[in-house]
N, C-alpha and C. Protein backbone atom coordinates (compact mmCIF):
# COMPACT_ATOMS: atom_id res chain seq x y z
N MET A 1 -9.54 163.33 -235.71
CA MET A 1 -10.64 162.38 -235.54
C MET A 1 -11.02 161.74 -236.87
N GLU A 2 -10.99 162.53 -237.92
CA GLU A 2 -11.31 162.01 -239.24
C GLU A 2 -10.33 160.95 -239.66
N LEU A 3 -9.06 161.13 -239.39
CA LEU A 3 -8.01 160.17 -239.75
C LEU A 3 -8.22 158.86 -238.99
N GLU A 4 -8.56 158.97 -237.68
CA GLU A 4 -8.80 157.76 -236.87
C GLU A 4 -10.02 157.00 -237.39
N GLU A 5 -11.06 157.73 -237.79
CA GLU A 5 -12.26 157.09 -238.33
C GLU A 5 -11.94 156.38 -239.64
N MET A 6 -11.12 157.03 -240.48
CA MET A 6 -10.72 156.42 -241.76
C MET A 6 -9.89 155.17 -241.52
N GLN A 7 -8.98 155.22 -240.52
CA GLN A 7 -8.16 154.05 -240.21
C GLN A 7 -9.03 152.90 -239.69
N ALA A 8 -10.00 153.23 -238.84
CA ALA A 8 -10.90 152.21 -238.29
C ALA A 8 -11.74 151.59 -239.42
N ALA A 9 -12.26 152.45 -240.31
CA ALA A 9 -13.06 151.97 -241.44
C ALA A 9 -12.20 151.08 -242.35
N TRP A 10 -10.97 151.51 -242.57
CA TRP A 10 -10.04 150.75 -243.42
C TRP A 10 -9.73 149.38 -242.79
N SER A 11 -9.51 149.40 -241.49
CA SER A 11 -9.21 148.16 -240.75
C SER A 11 -10.41 147.20 -240.82
N GLN A 12 -11.59 147.75 -240.66
CA GLN A 12 -12.80 146.93 -240.71
C GLN A 12 -12.99 146.34 -242.11
N MET A 13 -12.74 147.17 -243.13
CA MET A 13 -12.84 146.69 -244.52
C MET A 13 -11.83 145.58 -244.79
N SER A 14 -10.63 145.74 -244.25
CA SER A 14 -9.59 144.72 -244.44
C SER A 14 -10.00 143.40 -243.80
N GLN A 15 -10.59 143.50 -242.60
CA GLN A 15 -11.04 142.29 -241.91
C GLN A 15 -12.17 141.60 -242.69
N GLU A 16 -13.09 142.42 -243.21
CA GLU A 16 -14.20 141.86 -243.98
C GLU A 16 -13.71 141.22 -245.27
N LEU A 17 -12.73 141.86 -245.92
CA LEU A 17 -12.15 141.28 -247.13
C LEU A 17 -11.44 139.97 -246.83
N GLU A 18 -10.74 139.91 -245.70
CA GLU A 18 -10.04 138.69 -245.29
C GLU A 18 -11.04 137.56 -245.03
N LYS A 19 -12.15 137.91 -244.34
CA LYS A 19 -13.19 136.91 -244.09
C LYS A 19 -13.79 136.42 -245.40
N GLN A 20 -14.03 137.36 -246.32
CA GLN A 20 -14.59 137.01 -247.63
C GLN A 20 -13.64 136.09 -248.40
N LYS A 21 -12.34 136.39 -248.32
CA LYS A 21 -11.33 135.57 -249.00
C LYS A 21 -11.32 134.16 -248.41
N GLN A 22 -11.38 134.06 -247.08
CA GLN A 22 -11.39 132.75 -246.43
C GLN A 22 -12.62 131.95 -246.84
N LEU A 23 -13.75 132.64 -246.88
CA LEU A 23 -15.00 131.98 -247.27
C LEU A 23 -14.91 131.49 -248.72
N THR A 24 -14.39 132.33 -249.59
CA THR A 24 -14.22 131.95 -251.00
C THR A 24 -13.28 130.76 -251.13
N ASP A 25 -12.16 130.79 -250.38
CA ASP A 25 -11.21 129.67 -250.40
C ASP A 25 -11.87 128.37 -249.93
N GLU A 26 -12.68 128.46 -248.89
CA GLU A 26 -13.39 127.28 -248.37
C GLU A 26 -14.35 126.72 -249.41
N ILE A 27 -15.07 127.62 -250.09
CA ILE A 27 -16.02 127.19 -251.12
C ILE A 27 -15.28 126.51 -252.27
N ILE A 28 -14.16 127.10 -252.68
CA ILE A 28 -13.35 126.53 -253.76
C ILE A 28 -12.85 125.14 -253.37
N LEU A 29 -12.36 125.00 -252.13
CA LEU A 29 -11.86 123.70 -251.66
C LEU A 29 -12.97 122.66 -251.62
N LYS A 30 -14.16 123.07 -251.17
CA LYS A 30 -15.29 122.12 -251.12
C LYS A 30 -15.70 121.69 -252.52
N MET A 31 -15.71 122.64 -253.46
CA MET A 31 -16.05 122.31 -254.84
C MET A 31 -14.99 121.39 -255.45
N THR A 32 -13.72 121.66 -255.15
CA THR A 32 -12.63 120.82 -255.63
C THR A 32 -12.78 119.41 -255.08
N GLN A 33 -13.08 119.31 -253.78
CA GLN A 33 -13.27 118.00 -253.15
C GLN A 33 -14.42 117.24 -253.82
N GLN A 34 -15.48 117.97 -254.10
CA GLN A 34 -16.66 117.35 -254.73
C GLN A 34 -16.31 116.82 -256.12
N LYS A 35 -15.58 117.63 -256.91
CA LYS A 35 -15.18 117.21 -258.26
C LYS A 35 -14.26 115.99 -258.18
N TYR A 36 -13.31 116.03 -257.25
CA TYR A 36 -12.36 114.93 -257.09
C TYR A 36 -13.08 113.64 -256.70
N THR A 37 -13.96 113.73 -255.70
CA THR A 37 -14.68 112.55 -255.23
C THR A 37 -15.59 111.99 -256.31
N SER A 38 -16.23 112.85 -257.09
CA SER A 38 -17.14 112.36 -258.13
C SER A 38 -16.37 111.58 -259.21
N GLN A 39 -15.10 111.97 -259.46
CA GLN A 39 -14.27 111.22 -260.41
C GLN A 39 -14.11 109.77 -259.95
N TRP A 40 -13.83 109.59 -258.66
CA TRP A 40 -13.59 108.25 -258.12
C TRP A 40 -14.87 107.50 -257.85
N ASN A 41 -15.97 108.21 -257.63
CA ASN A 41 -17.25 107.53 -257.43
C ASN A 41 -17.70 106.78 -258.68
N LYS A 42 -17.35 107.32 -259.87
CA LYS A 42 -17.70 106.65 -261.12
C LYS A 42 -17.10 105.24 -261.14
N ILE A 43 -15.81 105.17 -260.85
CA ILE A 43 -15.12 103.88 -260.86
C ILE A 43 -15.61 103.01 -259.70
N PHE A 44 -15.78 103.63 -258.54
CA PHE A 44 -16.19 102.87 -257.34
C PHE A 44 -17.52 102.18 -257.58
N ASN A 45 -18.48 102.91 -258.17
CA ASN A 45 -19.81 102.33 -258.43
C ASN A 45 -19.73 101.20 -259.46
N ALA A 46 -18.92 101.40 -260.50
CA ALA A 46 -18.75 100.35 -261.51
C ALA A 46 -18.10 99.11 -260.88
N GLU A 47 -17.11 99.33 -260.01
CA GLU A 47 -16.43 98.21 -259.35
C GLU A 47 -17.36 97.48 -258.38
N LYS A 48 -18.27 98.22 -257.74
CA LYS A 48 -19.25 97.57 -256.85
C LYS A 48 -20.15 96.63 -257.65
N ILE A 49 -20.60 97.09 -258.82
CA ILE A 49 -21.42 96.25 -259.68
C ILE A 49 -20.62 95.02 -260.12
N GLY A 50 -19.36 95.26 -260.51
CA GLY A 50 -18.48 94.15 -260.89
C GLY A 50 -18.28 93.18 -259.75
N GLY A 51 -18.16 93.71 -258.52
CA GLY A 51 -18.00 92.86 -257.34
C GLY A 51 -19.21 91.97 -257.11
N VAL A 52 -20.40 92.53 -257.30
CA VAL A 52 -21.63 91.75 -257.15
C VAL A 52 -21.65 90.61 -258.17
N ILE A 53 -21.28 90.93 -259.41
CA ILE A 53 -21.24 89.91 -260.47
C ILE A 53 -20.23 88.82 -260.11
N CYS A 54 -19.06 89.22 -259.58
CA CYS A 54 -18.05 88.24 -259.17
C CYS A 54 -18.59 87.30 -258.10
N TYR A 55 -19.30 87.85 -257.12
CA TYR A 55 -19.81 87.00 -256.04
C TYR A 55 -20.96 86.11 -256.50
N VAL A 56 -21.74 86.57 -257.47
CA VAL A 56 -22.78 85.71 -258.06
C VAL A 56 -22.10 84.54 -258.79
N ALA A 57 -21.04 84.83 -259.54
CA ALA A 57 -20.30 83.77 -260.25
C ALA A 57 -19.67 82.81 -259.25
N LEU A 58 -19.13 83.34 -258.15
CA LEU A 58 -18.52 82.50 -257.11
C LEU A 58 -19.56 81.53 -256.54
N VAL A 59 -20.74 82.04 -256.24
CA VAL A 59 -21.82 81.20 -255.70
C VAL A 59 -22.24 80.14 -256.74
N ALA A 60 -22.27 80.53 -258.02
CA ALA A 60 -22.65 79.58 -259.08
C ALA A 60 -21.63 78.44 -259.17
N ILE A 61 -20.34 78.78 -259.09
CA ILE A 61 -19.30 77.73 -259.13
C ILE A 61 -19.41 76.84 -257.90
N LEU A 62 -19.60 77.47 -256.74
CA LEU A 62 -19.71 76.71 -255.49
C LEU A 62 -20.92 75.78 -255.52
N ALA A 63 -22.03 76.26 -256.04
CA ALA A 63 -23.26 75.46 -256.10
C ALA A 63 -23.11 74.25 -257.03
N ASN A 64 -22.26 74.39 -258.04
CA ASN A 64 -22.06 73.31 -259.01
C ASN A 64 -20.72 72.60 -258.84
N PHE A 65 -20.08 72.81 -257.70
CA PHE A 65 -18.73 72.28 -257.50
C PHE A 65 -18.69 70.75 -257.60
N ARG A 66 -19.75 70.06 -257.20
CA ARG A 66 -19.76 68.60 -257.22
C ARG A 66 -19.66 68.06 -258.65
N GLU A 67 -20.00 68.90 -259.65
CA GLU A 67 -19.89 68.47 -261.05
C GLU A 67 -18.44 68.48 -261.54
N LEU A 68 -17.58 69.17 -260.80
CA LEU A 68 -16.16 69.20 -261.15
C LEU A 68 -15.53 67.94 -260.56
N ASP A 69 -15.55 66.87 -261.34
CA ASP A 69 -15.24 65.55 -260.82
C ASP A 69 -13.79 65.09 -260.99
N THR A 70 -12.93 65.96 -261.49
CA THR A 70 -11.51 65.58 -261.58
C THR A 70 -10.69 66.61 -260.81
N ILE A 71 -9.48 66.21 -260.45
CA ILE A 71 -8.61 67.11 -259.67
C ILE A 71 -8.29 68.40 -260.44
N PRO A 72 -7.92 68.34 -261.74
CA PRO A 72 -7.65 69.59 -262.45
C PRO A 72 -8.86 70.54 -262.47
N LEU A 73 -10.06 69.98 -262.66
CA LEU A 73 -11.27 70.82 -262.66
C LEU A 73 -11.52 71.41 -261.27
N GLN A 74 -11.31 70.63 -260.23
CA GLN A 74 -11.51 71.12 -258.86
C GLN A 74 -10.50 72.21 -258.53
N VAL A 75 -9.25 72.02 -258.93
CA VAL A 75 -8.22 73.06 -258.70
C VAL A 75 -8.60 74.33 -259.45
N SER A 76 -9.04 74.18 -260.71
CA SER A 76 -9.49 75.35 -261.49
C SER A 76 -10.64 76.06 -260.79
N GLY A 77 -11.59 75.27 -260.29
CA GLY A 77 -12.75 75.85 -259.60
C GLY A 77 -12.35 76.60 -258.35
N ILE A 78 -11.45 76.01 -257.55
CA ILE A 78 -11.00 76.66 -256.32
C ILE A 78 -10.24 77.94 -256.63
N LEU A 79 -9.34 77.89 -257.62
CA LEU A 79 -8.59 79.09 -258.00
C LEU A 79 -9.52 80.20 -258.51
N CYS A 80 -10.52 79.82 -259.31
CA CYS A 80 -11.49 80.82 -259.79
C CYS A 80 -12.24 81.45 -258.63
N MET A 81 -12.67 80.61 -257.67
CA MET A 81 -13.41 81.15 -256.53
C MET A 81 -12.54 82.07 -255.68
N LEU A 82 -11.26 81.73 -255.52
CA LEU A 82 -10.34 82.61 -254.77
C LEU A 82 -10.19 83.96 -255.47
N ILE A 83 -9.99 83.92 -256.78
CA ILE A 83 -9.86 85.17 -257.54
C ILE A 83 -11.14 86.00 -257.44
N LEU A 84 -12.28 85.32 -257.59
CA LEU A 84 -13.58 86.03 -257.52
C LEU A 84 -13.84 86.60 -256.13
N ALA A 85 -13.30 85.97 -255.10
CA ALA A 85 -13.53 86.45 -253.73
C ALA A 85 -12.60 87.59 -253.36
N ILE A 86 -11.35 87.52 -253.80
CA ILE A 86 -10.32 88.47 -253.33
C ILE A 86 -10.22 89.74 -254.17
N LEU A 87 -10.22 89.60 -255.51
CA LEU A 87 -9.99 90.78 -256.36
C LEU A 87 -10.99 91.92 -256.16
N PRO A 88 -12.31 91.65 -256.04
CA PRO A 88 -13.23 92.78 -255.84
C PRO A 88 -12.96 93.55 -254.55
N ILE A 89 -12.60 92.82 -253.49
CA ILE A 89 -12.32 93.48 -252.20
C ILE A 89 -11.08 94.38 -252.33
N LEU A 90 -10.01 93.83 -252.92
CA LEU A 90 -8.79 94.62 -253.09
C LEU A 90 -9.02 95.83 -253.99
N SER A 91 -9.80 95.63 -255.03
CA SER A 91 -10.09 96.72 -255.95
C SER A 91 -10.82 97.86 -255.25
N LEU A 92 -11.86 97.51 -254.49
CA LEU A 92 -12.63 98.54 -253.78
C LEU A 92 -11.77 99.23 -252.72
N LYS A 93 -10.86 98.48 -252.09
CA LYS A 93 -9.98 99.09 -251.08
C LYS A 93 -9.04 100.12 -251.70
N THR A 94 -8.47 99.80 -252.88
CA THR A 94 -7.55 100.76 -253.52
C THR A 94 -8.29 102.01 -253.98
N ILE A 95 -9.51 101.83 -254.46
CA ILE A 95 -10.31 102.99 -254.89
C ILE A 95 -10.74 103.81 -253.67
N GLN A 96 -11.11 103.13 -252.59
CA GLN A 96 -11.50 103.81 -251.36
C GLN A 96 -10.34 104.66 -250.84
N ALA A 97 -9.11 104.13 -250.95
CA ALA A 97 -7.93 104.89 -250.52
C ALA A 97 -7.77 106.16 -251.36
N MET A 98 -8.08 106.08 -252.64
CA MET A 98 -7.99 107.27 -253.50
C MET A 98 -9.09 108.27 -253.14
N LYS A 99 -10.24 107.76 -252.75
CA LYS A 99 -11.35 108.66 -252.37
C LYS A 99 -11.07 109.37 -251.05
N ARG A 100 -10.16 108.81 -250.22
CA ARG A 100 -9.87 109.40 -248.92
C ARG A 100 -9.04 110.68 -248.99
N VAL A 101 -8.50 110.98 -250.15
CA VAL A 101 -7.75 112.23 -250.30
C VAL A 101 -8.72 113.37 -250.02
N ASN A 102 -8.41 114.17 -248.99
CA ASN A 102 -9.34 115.21 -248.57
C ASN A 102 -8.66 116.58 -248.61
N VAL A 103 -8.98 117.35 -249.63
CA VAL A 103 -8.34 118.65 -249.81
C VAL A 103 -8.79 119.68 -248.78
N THR A 104 -9.94 119.44 -248.15
CA THR A 104 -10.45 120.42 -247.19
C THR A 104 -9.77 120.30 -245.83
N SER A 105 -9.20 119.13 -245.52
CA SER A 105 -8.60 118.96 -244.20
C SER A 105 -7.09 118.78 -244.24
N MET A 106 -6.48 118.77 -245.43
CA MET A 106 -5.03 118.59 -245.55
C MET A 106 -4.42 119.79 -246.25
N SER A 107 -3.13 119.97 -245.98
CA SER A 107 -2.40 120.99 -246.73
C SER A 107 -2.19 120.47 -248.15
N TYR A 108 -1.78 121.37 -249.05
CA TYR A 108 -1.57 120.95 -250.44
C TYR A 108 -0.49 119.86 -250.51
N LYS A 109 0.57 120.04 -249.73
CA LYS A 109 1.67 119.08 -249.73
C LYS A 109 1.19 117.71 -249.23
N GLU A 110 0.42 117.70 -248.16
CA GLU A 110 -0.12 116.43 -247.62
C GLU A 110 -1.08 115.78 -248.62
N THR A 111 -1.89 116.60 -249.26
CA THR A 111 -2.85 116.10 -250.24
C THR A 111 -2.12 115.39 -251.37
N MET A 112 -1.09 116.05 -251.93
CA MET A 112 -0.37 115.47 -253.05
C MET A 112 0.42 114.23 -252.63
N LYS A 113 0.94 114.23 -251.39
CA LYS A 113 1.67 113.06 -250.89
C LYS A 113 0.71 111.87 -250.74
N THR A 114 -0.47 112.10 -250.17
CA THR A 114 -1.48 111.06 -250.00
C THR A 114 -1.95 110.55 -251.36
N TYR A 115 -2.15 111.50 -252.28
CA TYR A 115 -2.59 111.13 -253.63
C TYR A 115 -1.53 110.27 -254.32
N ALA A 116 -0.27 110.69 -254.24
CA ALA A 116 0.82 109.95 -254.90
C ALA A 116 0.93 108.52 -254.36
N LYS A 117 0.81 108.38 -253.04
CA LYS A 117 0.87 107.04 -252.43
C LYS A 117 -0.30 106.18 -252.90
N GLY A 118 -1.51 106.75 -252.87
CA GLY A 118 -2.70 106.04 -253.32
C GLY A 118 -2.63 105.67 -254.79
N LYS A 119 -2.11 106.59 -255.60
CA LYS A 119 -1.98 106.35 -257.04
C LYS A 119 -1.03 105.19 -257.31
N LYS A 120 0.09 105.17 -256.59
CA LYS A 120 1.07 104.09 -256.76
C LYS A 120 0.43 102.74 -256.43
N ASN A 121 -0.28 102.66 -255.30
CA ASN A 121 -0.95 101.42 -254.92
C ASN A 121 -2.02 101.03 -255.94
N PHE A 122 -2.76 102.02 -256.42
CA PHE A 122 -3.83 101.78 -257.39
C PHE A 122 -3.26 101.21 -258.69
N VAL A 123 -2.20 101.84 -259.19
CA VAL A 123 -1.58 101.39 -260.44
C VAL A 123 -0.98 99.99 -260.28
N ASN A 124 -0.30 99.75 -259.15
CA ASN A 124 0.27 98.41 -258.91
C ASN A 124 -0.83 97.36 -258.83
N PHE A 125 -1.93 97.70 -258.16
CA PHE A 125 -3.04 96.74 -258.08
C PHE A 125 -3.62 96.46 -259.45
N GLN A 126 -3.73 97.49 -260.30
CA GLN A 126 -4.30 97.27 -261.64
C GLN A 126 -3.42 96.33 -262.46
N LYS A 127 -2.11 96.42 -262.28
CA LYS A 127 -1.21 95.48 -262.98
C LYS A 127 -1.47 94.06 -262.49
N LEU A 128 -1.59 93.89 -261.18
CA LEU A 128 -1.91 92.58 -260.61
C LEU A 128 -3.28 92.11 -261.10
N ASN A 129 -4.22 93.02 -261.13
CA ASN A 129 -5.59 92.71 -261.57
C ASN A 129 -5.61 92.19 -263.00
N ILE A 130 -4.84 92.80 -263.88
CA ILE A 130 -4.79 92.35 -265.28
C ILE A 130 -4.24 90.93 -265.35
N GLY A 131 -3.16 90.68 -264.63
CA GLY A 131 -2.57 89.34 -264.62
C GLY A 131 -3.52 88.29 -264.08
N MET A 132 -4.15 88.61 -262.95
CA MET A 132 -5.08 87.66 -262.33
C MET A 132 -6.34 87.46 -263.18
N SER A 133 -6.78 88.52 -263.84
CA SER A 133 -7.95 88.41 -264.72
C SER A 133 -7.64 87.50 -265.91
N PHE A 134 -6.40 87.59 -266.40
CA PHE A 134 -6.00 86.73 -267.51
C PHE A 134 -5.99 85.26 -267.06
N VAL A 135 -5.42 85.01 -265.89
CA VAL A 135 -5.42 83.65 -265.33
C VAL A 135 -6.86 83.17 -265.15
N PHE A 136 -7.71 84.05 -264.61
CA PHE A 136 -9.11 83.69 -264.40
C PHE A 136 -9.79 83.32 -265.71
N MET A 137 -9.52 84.12 -266.75
CA MET A 137 -10.13 83.85 -268.06
C MET A 137 -9.71 82.46 -268.56
N LEU A 138 -8.43 82.13 -268.41
CA LEU A 138 -7.96 80.81 -268.85
C LEU A 138 -8.60 79.68 -268.04
N LEU A 139 -8.77 79.93 -266.74
CA LEU A 139 -9.37 78.90 -265.88
C LEU A 139 -10.85 78.69 -266.16
N THR A 140 -11.52 79.73 -266.62
CA THR A 140 -12.96 79.60 -266.88
C THR A 140 -13.26 78.76 -268.11
N VAL A 141 -12.29 78.62 -269.01
CA VAL A 141 -12.54 77.83 -270.22
C VAL A 141 -12.89 76.38 -269.87
N PRO A 142 -12.03 75.65 -269.11
CA PRO A 142 -12.42 74.28 -268.78
C PRO A 142 -13.62 74.21 -267.85
N LEU A 143 -13.75 75.19 -266.95
CA LEU A 143 -14.92 75.19 -266.05
C LEU A 143 -16.22 75.36 -266.82
N SER A 144 -16.24 76.31 -267.73
CA SER A 144 -17.45 76.56 -268.53
C SER A 144 -17.79 75.34 -269.37
N ALA A 145 -16.76 74.72 -269.97
CA ALA A 145 -17.01 73.54 -270.81
C ALA A 145 -17.65 72.43 -269.98
N LYS A 146 -17.17 72.26 -268.75
CA LYS A 146 -17.71 71.19 -267.91
C LYS A 146 -19.11 71.54 -267.39
N LEU A 147 -19.28 72.77 -266.88
CA LEU A 147 -20.55 73.13 -266.25
C LEU A 147 -21.68 73.33 -267.27
N PHE A 148 -21.35 73.82 -268.47
CA PHE A 148 -22.41 74.09 -269.45
C PHE A 148 -22.59 72.97 -270.48
N ASN A 149 -21.49 72.25 -270.82
CA ASN A 149 -21.58 71.22 -271.85
C ASN A 149 -21.25 69.82 -271.36
N GLY A 150 -20.81 69.71 -270.11
CA GLY A 150 -20.45 68.41 -269.55
C GLY A 150 -19.16 67.83 -270.10
N LYS A 151 -18.33 68.66 -270.76
CA LYS A 151 -17.07 68.19 -271.36
C LYS A 151 -15.90 68.52 -270.43
N ASP A 152 -14.98 67.58 -270.31
CA ASP A 152 -13.76 67.80 -269.54
C ASP A 152 -12.63 68.08 -270.51
N LEU A 153 -12.27 69.35 -270.64
CA LEU A 153 -11.23 69.74 -271.60
C LEU A 153 -9.85 69.25 -271.19
N PHE A 154 -9.68 68.87 -269.93
CA PHE A 154 -8.38 68.34 -269.51
C PHE A 154 -8.18 66.92 -270.04
N GLU A 155 -9.27 66.24 -270.38
CA GLU A 155 -9.17 64.88 -270.91
C GLU A 155 -9.22 64.87 -272.44
N THR A 156 -10.12 65.66 -273.00
CA THR A 156 -10.23 65.71 -274.47
C THR A 156 -10.28 67.16 -274.92
N LEU A 157 -9.36 67.52 -275.78
CA LEU A 157 -9.33 68.88 -276.30
C LEU A 157 -10.31 68.99 -277.48
N ASP A 158 -11.13 69.98 -277.41
CA ASP A 158 -12.11 70.23 -278.46
C ASP A 158 -11.44 71.08 -279.54
N PRO A 159 -11.55 70.68 -280.81
CA PRO A 159 -10.93 71.48 -281.89
C PRO A 159 -11.51 72.90 -281.98
N LYS A 160 -12.72 73.07 -281.47
CA LYS A 160 -13.33 74.41 -281.49
C LYS A 160 -12.55 75.40 -280.64
N LEU A 161 -11.77 74.88 -279.69
CA LEU A 161 -10.96 75.77 -278.83
C LEU A 161 -9.94 76.56 -279.65
N GLY A 162 -9.47 75.95 -280.73
CA GLY A 162 -8.51 76.65 -281.60
C GLY A 162 -9.08 77.94 -282.17
N ILE A 163 -10.40 77.99 -282.28
CA ILE A 163 -11.08 79.20 -282.77
C ILE A 163 -11.49 80.08 -281.59
N ALA A 164 -12.01 79.46 -280.53
CA ALA A 164 -12.56 80.21 -279.40
C ALA A 164 -11.49 80.97 -278.62
N VAL A 165 -10.35 80.33 -278.36
CA VAL A 165 -9.32 80.94 -277.52
C VAL A 165 -8.78 82.25 -278.12
N PRO A 166 -8.43 82.30 -279.42
CA PRO A 166 -7.97 83.59 -279.96
C PRO A 166 -9.01 84.71 -279.83
N PHE A 167 -10.29 84.35 -280.04
CA PHE A 167 -11.35 85.37 -279.87
C PHE A 167 -11.44 85.84 -278.42
N MET A 168 -11.28 84.90 -277.49
CA MET A 168 -11.29 85.27 -276.06
C MET A 168 -10.12 86.20 -275.74
N LEU A 169 -8.96 85.88 -276.29
CA LEU A 169 -7.77 86.72 -276.04
C LEU A 169 -7.96 88.12 -276.61
N ILE A 170 -8.54 88.21 -277.79
CA ILE A 170 -8.81 89.52 -278.40
C ILE A 170 -9.82 90.29 -277.56
N PHE A 171 -10.89 89.62 -277.16
CA PHE A 171 -11.91 90.25 -276.32
C PHE A 171 -11.29 90.73 -275.00
N PHE A 172 -10.49 89.87 -274.37
CA PHE A 172 -9.84 90.22 -273.11
C PHE A 172 -8.93 91.44 -273.29
N GLY A 173 -8.13 91.42 -274.36
CA GLY A 173 -7.22 92.54 -274.64
C GLY A 173 -7.98 93.84 -274.83
N LEU A 174 -9.07 93.81 -275.59
CA LEU A 174 -9.87 95.01 -275.82
C LEU A 174 -10.52 95.50 -274.53
N LEU A 175 -11.04 94.57 -273.76
CA LEU A 175 -11.68 94.93 -272.50
C LEU A 175 -10.67 95.60 -271.55
N MET A 176 -9.49 95.02 -271.42
CA MET A 176 -8.46 95.59 -270.55
C MET A 176 -8.01 96.96 -271.05
N TRP A 177 -7.93 97.12 -272.37
CA TRP A 177 -7.53 98.39 -272.96
C TRP A 177 -8.55 99.48 -272.61
N VAL A 178 -9.84 99.16 -272.75
CA VAL A 178 -10.91 100.13 -272.44
C VAL A 178 -10.89 100.48 -270.95
N VAL A 179 -10.78 99.46 -270.09
CA VAL A 179 -10.77 99.68 -268.64
C VAL A 179 -9.57 100.54 -268.24
N MET A 180 -8.39 100.21 -268.76
CA MET A 180 -7.18 100.96 -268.40
C MET A 180 -7.25 102.41 -268.91
N ARG A 181 -7.83 102.61 -270.07
CA ARG A 181 -8.01 103.98 -270.57
C ARG A 181 -8.90 104.78 -269.63
N CYS A 182 -9.97 104.15 -269.18
CA CYS A 182 -10.89 104.80 -268.26
C CYS A 182 -10.17 105.15 -266.95
N TYR A 183 -9.43 104.20 -266.41
CA TYR A 183 -8.71 104.44 -265.15
C TYR A 183 -7.65 105.53 -265.31
N LYS A 184 -6.92 105.50 -266.42
CA LYS A 184 -5.89 106.54 -266.67
C LYS A 184 -6.53 107.91 -266.79
N SER A 185 -7.70 107.96 -267.43
CA SER A 185 -8.42 109.22 -267.58
C SER A 185 -8.81 109.78 -266.20
N VAL A 186 -9.32 108.91 -265.33
CA VAL A 186 -9.70 109.34 -263.98
C VAL A 186 -8.47 109.81 -263.21
N LEU A 187 -7.35 109.10 -263.34
CA LEU A 187 -6.11 109.52 -262.66
C LEU A 187 -5.65 110.89 -263.16
N ARG A 188 -5.68 111.09 -264.50
CA ARG A 188 -5.27 112.39 -265.06
C ARG A 188 -6.18 113.51 -264.58
N ASN A 189 -7.49 113.28 -264.66
CA ASN A 189 -8.46 114.31 -264.24
C ASN A 189 -8.32 114.63 -262.75
N SER A 190 -8.12 113.59 -261.95
CA SER A 190 -7.97 113.79 -260.50
C SER A 190 -6.74 114.64 -260.20
N GLU A 191 -5.65 114.33 -260.90
CA GLU A 191 -4.42 115.07 -260.68
C GLU A 191 -4.57 116.54 -261.08
N LYS A 192 -5.25 116.77 -262.22
CA LYS A 192 -5.51 118.15 -262.66
C LYS A 192 -6.34 118.91 -261.62
N ILE A 193 -7.36 118.23 -261.11
CA ILE A 193 -8.23 118.87 -260.10
C ILE A 193 -7.42 119.27 -258.88
N LEU A 194 -6.55 118.37 -258.43
CA LEU A 194 -5.74 118.67 -257.23
C LEU A 194 -4.71 119.76 -257.51
N GLN A 195 -4.16 119.79 -258.72
CA GLN A 195 -3.16 120.80 -259.04
C GLN A 195 -3.77 122.19 -259.14
N GLU A 196 -5.07 122.26 -259.41
CA GLU A 196 -5.75 123.55 -259.47
C GLU A 196 -5.75 124.25 -258.11
N ILE A 197 -5.64 123.49 -257.03
CA ILE A 197 -5.63 124.07 -255.69
C ILE A 197 -4.45 124.99 -255.53
N GLU A 198 -3.29 124.56 -256.03
CA GLU A 198 -2.06 125.35 -255.86
C GLU A 198 -2.15 126.68 -256.59
N GLU A 199 -2.85 126.66 -257.73
CA GLU A 199 -3.01 127.89 -258.52
C GLU A 199 -4.00 128.78 -257.83
C-alpha cells in the first residue's frame, strides 16, 4: 500500500510539474510576444506621425495646385501628391505585417518563416522608399520655389540652387542613414527576441 501511495503521489507531482512547466512556457511566450510587438510599435507610431505629415503636405499642395501654372510644375505636383498618398500606406502595411508575427499561436518554425517573409518585404519596401523619397525631395525643390517664392525654376534657374541642392543631398543622406540604422536595429532586436524562443 505504501508503494502504491508513493507512486500516486509521484504521478500527481509529475502532473503538477508538467502544468507548472506549461504555465511558465505560456508566460515566457506572452512576454516574448510583448517584447517583439513593442519593438515594432516604436516604428509603427513614428510612421503614423510621418503619414499624418505626408497627408497634411498633400492637402497643402492640392489647395495651392492652381498656382502651379506650367505643365512641368503640375506634373511635379501630381507626382508629389501620389508619393505622399501611397508611401505612408505601404509603409504602415509592411510594418503591420511584421507586427502580425505571433509567437503564442504559431510554432517556432512557422514564426520564423512568417518573420523571414515579412522581413524580406519590409527591406524591399525600404529600398523603394529611399528611391521614392529621393525623387520626392527633387520634385519639392521647384514646387517649394513656386509656392513660397513665386519662382518657376523650370524657366529660370536660381544660382542659389548650386548651394542649396548639395545641402539638401547631405541632409537627405544623413536622414536616410539614421532611419535605416533605426530600422536595422529593430530588425536585429526582433530576430534576437524570436531566437530566444528556441533556447
